[in-house]
Amino acid sequence: MASENLHEDRADLPEEVIDKHRAISSLMEELEAVDWYDQRAAATGDPELKAILLHNRDEEMEHAAMVLEWLRRRYPVIDEHLRTYLYAEGDILKAEAVATGKVEGAQQVAGNGAGRAPAIGDGSLGIGSLREA
């Protein structure tokens, strides 16, 4: 049964929390699958099998990204952290120091000067269309 590993009685949890739990469990499973396919691809000596396993790994990455985006839209704190660290250039710990105000002038992400990537109003990641390439 799905969601067997709830830590609280299901009857005490609102459906929103159950859905978030489902998403978090799915994200963990997708990332675990990425790791498994990566290991299997690295271990095989058969080039065709390796290509298939890497393709499957990349599909799991897509699934993980989709679930992460669903979570980002429902957890403002995750959204804030992703805006701070995702696509940040330079030292990640410096990005944290800037975002938390622990230091001034550390390498910042271009865009808003606060260690966060600029917000894109249309929900995109701001990388443009890959179909036009």
Protein backbone atom coordinates (compact mmCIF):
# COMPACT_ATOMS: atom_id res chain seq x y z
CA MET A 1 0.00 0.00 0.00
CA ALA A 2 1.24 3.49 -0.83
CA SER A 3 2.25 5.78 2.03
CA GLU A 4 2.76 2.97 4.51
CA ASN A 5 5.62 4.89 6.08
CA LEU A 6 3.55 7.74 7.48
CA HIS A 7 4.82 8.70 10.92
CA GLU A 8 1.45 9.87 12.17
CA ASP A 9 -1.95 8.25 12.08
CA ARG A 10 -3.43 8.78 8.63
CA ALA A 11 -6.74 9.83 10.18
CA ASP A 12 -4.97 12.77 11.86
CA LEU A 13 -3.49 14.10 8.61
CA PRO A 14 -5.18 16.37 6.09
CA GLU A 15 -5.22 15.24 2.46
CA GLU A 16 -2.79 18.04 1.53
CA VAL A 17 -0.16 16.54 3.85
CA ILE A 18 -0.81 13.06 2.45
CA ASP A 19 -0.33 14.34 -1.11
CA LYS A 20 2.92 16.07 -0.15
CA HIS A 21 4.07 12.83 1.44
CA ARG A 22 3.27 10.99 -1.77
CA ALA A 23 5.28 13.50 -3.76
CA ILE A 24 8.26 13.36 -1.39
CA SER A 25 8.21 9.55 -1.44
CA SER A 26 8.04 9.61 -5.24
CA LEU A 27 10.94 12.07 -5.45
CA MET A 28 13.05 9.82 -3.24
CA GLU A 29 12.16 6.79 -5.39
CA GLU A 30 13.00 8.64 -8.62
CA LEU A 31 16.39 9.74 -7.27
CA GLU A 32 17.09 6.22 -6.04
CA ALA A 33 16.29 4.91 -9.53
CA VAL A 34 18.69 7.49 -11.02
CA ASP A 35 21.42 6.12 -8.77
CA TRP A 36 20.63 2.50 -9.65
CA TYR A 37 20.64 3.14 -13.40
CA ASP A 38 23.86 5.16 -13.08
CA GLN A 39 25.59 2.30 -11.27
CA ARG A 40 24.33 -0.31 -13.71
CA ALA A 41 25.41 1.75 -16.71
CA ALA A 42 28.86 2.24 -15.21
CA ALA A 43 29.24 -1.47 -14.51
CA THR A 44 28.16 -2.92 -17.84
CA GLY A 45 30.58 -3.62 -20.63
CA ASP A 46 27.86 -3.79 -23.27
CA PRO A 47 27.62 -0.42 -25.08
CA GLU A 48 24.01 -0.93 -26.20
CA LEU A 49 22.85 -1.86 -22.71
CA LYS A 50 24.77 1.10 -21.29
CA ALA A 51 22.98 3.47 -23.69
CA ILE A 52 19.59 2.04 -22.70
CA LEU A 53 20.37 2.32 -19.00
CA LEU A 54 21.55 5.91 -19.37
CA HIS A 55 18.38 6.73 -21.31
CA ASN A 56 16.30 5.21 -18.52
CA ARG A 57 18.32 7.13 -15.91
CA ASP A 58 17.63 10.38 -17.71
CA GLU A 59 13.90 9.59 -17.79
CA GLU A 60 13.99 9.17 -14.02
CA MET A 61 15.68 12.58 -13.75
CA GLU A 62 12.80 14.08 -15.71
CA HIS A 63 10.30 12.46 -13.36
CA ALA A 64 12.21 13.75 -10.32
CA ALA A 65 12.25 17.29 -11.76
CA MET A 66 8.50 17.19 -12.35
CA VAL A 67 7.77 16.09 -8.79
CA LEU A 68 10.22 18.65 -7.40
CA GLU A 69 8.40 21.38 -9.30
CA TRP A 70 5.07 20.18 -7.87
CA LEU A 71 6.58 20.38 -4.38
CA ARG A 72 8.11 23.80 -5.07
CA ARG A 73 4.68 25.17 -5.92
CA ARG A 74 3.27 23.96 -2.60
CA TYR A 75 6.14 24.67 -0.20
CA PRO A 76 7.19 28.33 -0.14
CA VAL A 77 10.35 27.43 1.78
CA ILE A 78 11.45 24.95 -0.91
CA ASP A 79 10.73 27.62 -3.51
CA GLU A 80 12.91 30.08 -1.61
CA HIS A 81 15.79 27.63 -1.27
CA LEU A 82 15.63 26.60 -4.91
CA ARG A 83 15.74 30.26 -5.93
CA THR A 84 18.83 30.67 -3.74
CA TYR A 85 20.80 27.62 -4.83
CA LEU A 86 19.50 26.25 -8.12
CA TYR A 87 21.60 27.59 -10.99
CA ALA A 88 23.77 29.52 -8.56
CA GLU A 89 27.27 30.05 -9.85
CA GLY A 90 30.36 29.97 -7.69
CA ASP A 91 30.63 28.60 -4.20
CA ILE A 92 27.30 27.25 -2.93
CA LEU A 93 28.14 28.02 0.69
CA LYS A 94 28.85 31.63 -0.26
CA ALA A 95 25.40 31.79 -1.85
CA GLU A 96 23.99 30.64 1.50
CA ALA A 97 26.03 33.21 3.38
CA VAL A 98 24.73 35.97 1.12
CA ALA A 99 21.14 34.72 1.31
CA THR A 100 21.23 34.56 5.10
CA GLY A 101 23.03 37.88 5.47
CA LYS A 102 26.10 36.31 7.08
CA VAL A 103 28.43 38.05 4.62
CA GLU A 104 28.20 40.90 2.17
CA GLY A 105 29.77 40.92 -1.24
CA ALA A 106 30.18 37.16 -1.59
CA GLN A 107 29.62 35.87 -5.10
CA GLN A 108 25.98 36.41 -5.89
CA VAL A 109 23.72 35.00 -8.53
CA ALA A 110 23.18 37.55 -11.26
CA GLY A 111 19.70 38.96 -11.20
CA ASN A 112 18.64 40.40 -7.88
CA GLY A 113 21.73 40.81 -5.71
CA ALA A 114 20.37 38.73 -2.84
CA GLY A 115 21.88 35.37 -3.71
CA ARG A 116 18.71 34.31 -5.45
CA ALA A 117 18.01 33.69 -9.09
CA PRO A 118 15.54 36.10 -10.63
CA ALA A 119 11.93 35.01 -10.45
CA ILE A 120 10.32 34.15 -13.77
CA GLY A 121 6.62 34.98 -13.78
CA ASP A 122 5.59 32.38 -16.34
CA GLY A 123 6.74 29.39 -14.27
CA SER A 124 9.62 28.58 -16.64
CA LEU A 125 13.19 28.10 -15.56
CA GLY A 126 14.20 30.98 -17.82
CA ILE A 127 16.32 28.83 -20.17
CA GLY A 128 14.19 29.36 -23.24
CA SER A 129 12.81 26.81 -25.62
CA LEU A 130 14.90 23.75 -26.31
CA ARG A 131 12.86 23.09 -29.44
CA GLU A 132 14.24 26.15 -31.19
CA ALA A 133 17.86 25.04 -30.81
